[in-house]
Amino acid sequence: MVTTIQIDEKLKERLDELKVHHRETYNELISRLVDSTNPKRYSRESLIATIEVLSDSETMKDIAEALEQFERGKGKTLEQVEKELGL
């Protein structure tokens, strides 16, 4: 079931800054944020680190840019790097 919610423009702008990729949907973003704050899934230190990353708009933009480059065929998968390093 799909539903509609209303948020003010300032909150929408803040949510836009937290997207890891410009095509990330608000549903995906909110799910990621809710999952990342579930205390049963993560340690306190892990939650603090996640909040620090999510709060840093420059880091989030860098991550989004890296994802876009990877989608364009630039970069390597973890498996490729491990194979090159003989791991």
Foldseek 3Di string as FASTA:
>chain_A
DDDDDDDDPVVVVLLCLQDLANPQDSVNSVVVVVVLPPCVVDPPVSSVVVVVQSVDSVNSVVSRVVVVCVVVVPDDDPVVVCVVVVD
